[in-house]
Amino acid sequence: MPVARTVQGDVDTGQLGICYAHEHLLITGGMQVRLDPDFLLNDRAKAADDIRAFTALGGKTMVDMLPPGLGRDPDGLRVLSGVTGAHIIATTGFHTEK
């Protein structure tokens, strides 16, 4: 059985359903926030409300594309997945400067 690795553990890919493939659910710091505080997305309750709106319309999975070092919050993503029931996949990799 093929699986997707989510912040809550492996999930059968047949359970992923409708997916938002490029999201930034939480941004708790990093260079972009230092340069422009409007990039801060650290309110877990508001993020949970947004995710619930997505799942209410039939969505099941979100992919958080924020790489390490740019304000990624893996613990927050696990909390959001737990309180909303949405599958959240956190990508890996690094962002390089141009």
C-alpha atoms as a PDB file:
ATOM      1  CA  MET A   1       0.000   0.000   0.000  1.00  0.00           C
ATOM      2  CA  PRO A   2       1.480   3.388  -0.974  1.00  0.00           C
ATOM      3  CA  VAL A   3       1.602   5.891   1.885  1.00  0.00           C
ATOM      4  CA  ALA A   4       2.106   9.602   2.355  1.00  0.00           C
ATOM      5  CA  ARG A   5       4.056  10.752   5.396  1.00  0.00           C
ATOM      6  CA  THR A   6       2.023  13.338   7.305  1.00  0.00           C
ATOM      7  CA  VAL A   7       2.809  15.222  10.503  1.00  0.00           C
ATOM      8  CA  GLN A   8       0.667  12.619  12.330  1.00  0.00           C
ATOM      9  CA  GLY A   9       2.288   9.606  10.653  1.00  0.00           C
ATOM     10  CA  ASP A  10       1.863   7.576   7.488  1.00  0.00           C
ATOM     11  CA  VAL A  11      -1.516   7.658   5.708  1.00  0.00           C
ATOM     12  CA  ASP A  12      -2.718   5.415   2.900  1.00  0.00           C
ATOM     13  CA  THR A  13      -2.662   7.608  -0.227  1.00  0.00           C
ATOM     14  CA  GLY A  14      -6.242   6.550  -0.954  1.00  0.00           C
ATOM     15  CA  GLN A  15      -7.272   8.595   2.117  1.00  0.00           C
ATOM     16  CA  LEU A  16      -5.705  11.894   0.971  1.00  0.00           C
ATOM     17  CA  GLY A  17      -8.727  13.141  -0.993  1.00  0.00           C
ATOM     18  CA  ILE A  18      -8.819  16.731  -2.223  1.00  0.00           C
ATOM     19  CA  CYS A  19      -5.448  18.365  -1.590  1.00  0.00           C
ATOM     20  CA  TYR A  20      -4.109  21.902  -1.436  1.00  0.00           C
ATOM     21  CA  ALA A  21      -0.616  21.250  -2.729  1.00  0.00           C
ATOM     22  CA  HIS A  22       1.202  24.471  -1.750  1.00  0.00           C
ATOM     23  CA  GLU A  23       0.250  26.153   1.489  1.00  0.00           C
ATOM     24  CA  HIS A  24       1.964  28.162   4.216  1.00  0.00           C
ATOM     25  CA  LEU A  25      -0.143  27.373   7.266  1.00  0.00           C
ATOM     26  CA  LEU A  26       2.149  28.811   9.951  1.00  0.00           C
ATOM     27  CA  ILE A  27       5.156  31.128   9.664  1.00  0.00           C
ATOM     28  CA  THR A  28       6.668  31.851  13.069  1.00  0.00           C
ATOM     29  CA  GLY A  29       9.853  33.678  12.114  1.00  0.00           C
ATOM     30  CA  GLY A  30      12.615  33.670   9.559  1.00  0.00           C
ATOM     31  CA  MET A  31      14.089  36.286   7.278  1.00  0.00           C
ATOM     32  CA  GLN A  32      10.843  37.215   5.522  1.00  0.00           C
ATOM     33  CA  VAL A  33       9.206  38.025   8.867  1.00  0.00           C
ATOM     34  CA  ARG A  34      12.227  40.077   9.944  1.00  0.00           C
ATOM     35  CA  LEU A  35      12.018  42.032   6.675  1.00  0.00           C
ATOM     36  CA  ASP A  36       8.234  42.387   6.723  1.00  0.00           C
ATOM     37  CA  PRO A  37       6.221  41.495   9.847  1.00  0.00           C
ATOM     38  CA  ASP A  38       3.100  41.055   7.682  1.00  0.00           C
ATOM     39  CA  PHE A  39       4.475  37.611   6.758  1.00  0.00           C
ATOM     40  CA  LEU A  40       3.979  36.388  10.351  1.00  0.00           C
ATOM     41  CA  LEU A  41       1.317  33.664  10.498  1.00  0.00           C
ATOM     42  CA  ASN A  42       1.491  32.436  14.080  1.00  0.00           C
ATOM     43  CA  ASP A  43      -2.143  32.364  15.175  1.00  0.00           C
ATOM     44  CA  ARG A  44      -2.974  28.665  15.421  1.00  0.00           C
ATOM     45  CA  ALA A  45      -6.664  29.327  16.119  1.00  0.00           C
ATOM     46  CA  LYS A  46      -7.067  31.356  12.907  1.00  0.00           C
ATOM     47  CA  ALA A  47      -5.114  28.759  10.940  1.00  0.00           C
ATOM     48  CA  ALA A  48      -7.394  26.048  12.342  1.00  0.00           C
ATOM     49  CA  ASP A  49     -10.455  28.071  11.264  1.00  0.00           C
ATOM     50  CA  ASP A  50      -9.058  28.321   7.713  1.00  0.00           C
ATOM     51  CA  ILE A  51      -8.344  24.584   7.610  1.00  0.00           C
ATOM     52  CA  ARG A  52     -11.840  23.797   8.899  1.00  0.00           C
ATOM     53  CA  ALA A  53     -13.320  25.949   6.114  1.00  0.00           C
ATOM     54  CA  PHE A  54     -11.321  23.875   3.602  1.00  0.00           C
ATOM     55  CA  THR A  55     -12.425  20.553   5.118  1.00  0.00           C
ATOM     56  CA  ALA A  56     -16.050  21.723   5.305  1.00  0.00           C
ATOM     57  CA  LEU A  57     -15.937  21.984   1.502  1.00  0.00           C
ATOM     58  CA  GLY A  58     -14.590  18.436   1.161  1.00  0.00           C
ATOM     59  CA  GLY A  59     -10.843  19.034   1.413  1.00  0.00           C
ATOM     60  CA  LYS A  60      -8.769  16.477   3.264  1.00  0.00           C
ATOM     61  CA  THR A  61      -5.032  17.208   2.823  1.00  0.00           C
ATOM     62  CA  MET A  62      -2.765  20.253   2.846  1.00  0.00           C
ATOM     63  CA  VAL A  63       0.917  20.375   1.942  1.00  0.00           C
ATOM     64  CA  ASP A  64       2.863  22.960   3.950  1.00  0.00           C
ATOM     65  CA  MET A  65       5.740  24.064   1.708  1.00  0.00           C
ATOM     66  CA  LEU A  66       7.742  26.113   4.215  1.00  0.00           C
ATOM     67  CA  PRO A  67      11.337  24.853   4.416  1.00  0.00           C
ATOM     68  CA  PRO A  68      13.350  24.762   7.654  1.00  0.00           C
ATOM     69  CA  GLY A  69      14.971  28.042   8.666  1.00  0.00           C
ATOM     70  CA  LEU A  70      12.147  30.212   7.337  1.00  0.00           C
ATOM     71  CA  GLY A  71       9.827  30.059  10.333  1.00  0.00           C
ATOM     72  CA  ARG A  72       8.521  26.523   9.954  1.00  0.00           C
ATOM     73  CA  ASP A  73       6.580  25.221  12.981  1.00  0.00           C
ATOM     74  CA  PRO A  74       6.363  21.404  12.890  1.00  0.00           C
ATOM     75  CA  ASP A  75       4.830  21.187  16.372  1.00  0.00           C
ATOM     76  CA  GLY A  76       2.178  23.708  15.351  1.00  0.00           C
ATOM     77  CA  LEU A  77       1.409  21.706  12.203  1.00  0.00           C
ATOM     78  CA  ARG A  78       0.883  18.577  14.320  1.00  0.00           C
ATOM     79  CA  VAL A  79      -1.463  20.509  16.606  1.00  0.00           C
ATOM     80  CA  LEU A  80      -3.417  21.875  13.623  1.00  0.00           C
ATOM     81  CA  SER A  81      -3.774  18.425  12.115  1.00  0.00           C
ATOM     82  CA  GLY A  82      -4.957  17.032  15.432  1.00  0.00           C
ATOM     83  CA  VAL A  83      -7.597  19.689  16.100  1.00  0.00           C
ATOM     84  CA  THR A  84      -8.928  19.850  12.521  1.00  0.00           C
ATOM     85  CA  GLY A  85      -8.630  16.241  11.355  1.00  0.00           C
ATOM     86  CA  ALA A  86      -6.916  17.391   8.151  1.00  0.00           C
ATOM     87  CA  HIS A  87      -3.907  15.515   6.840  1.00  0.00           C
ATOM     88  CA  ILE A  88      -0.913  17.881   6.745  1.00  0.00           C
ATOM     89  CA  ILE A  89       2.255  17.014   4.864  1.00  0.00           C
ATOM     90  CA  ALA A  90       5.344  19.077   5.753  1.00  0.00           C
ATOM     91  CA  THR A  91       7.914  19.176   2.985  1.00  0.00           C
ATOM     92  CA  THR A  92      11.640  18.900   3.519  1.00  0.00           C
ATOM     93  CA  GLY A  93      14.538  20.581   1.797  1.00  0.00           C
ATOM     94  CA  PHE A  94      16.265  23.907   1.916  1.00  0.00           C
ATOM     95  CA  HIS A  95      15.712  27.309   0.332  1.00  0.00           C
ATOM     96  CA  THR A  96      18.839  28.685  -1.306  1.00  0.00           C
ATOM     97  CA  GLU A  97      19.718  32.323  -1.845  1.00  0.00           C
ATOM     98  CA  LYS A  98      19.987  33.546  -5.416  1.00  0.00           C
END
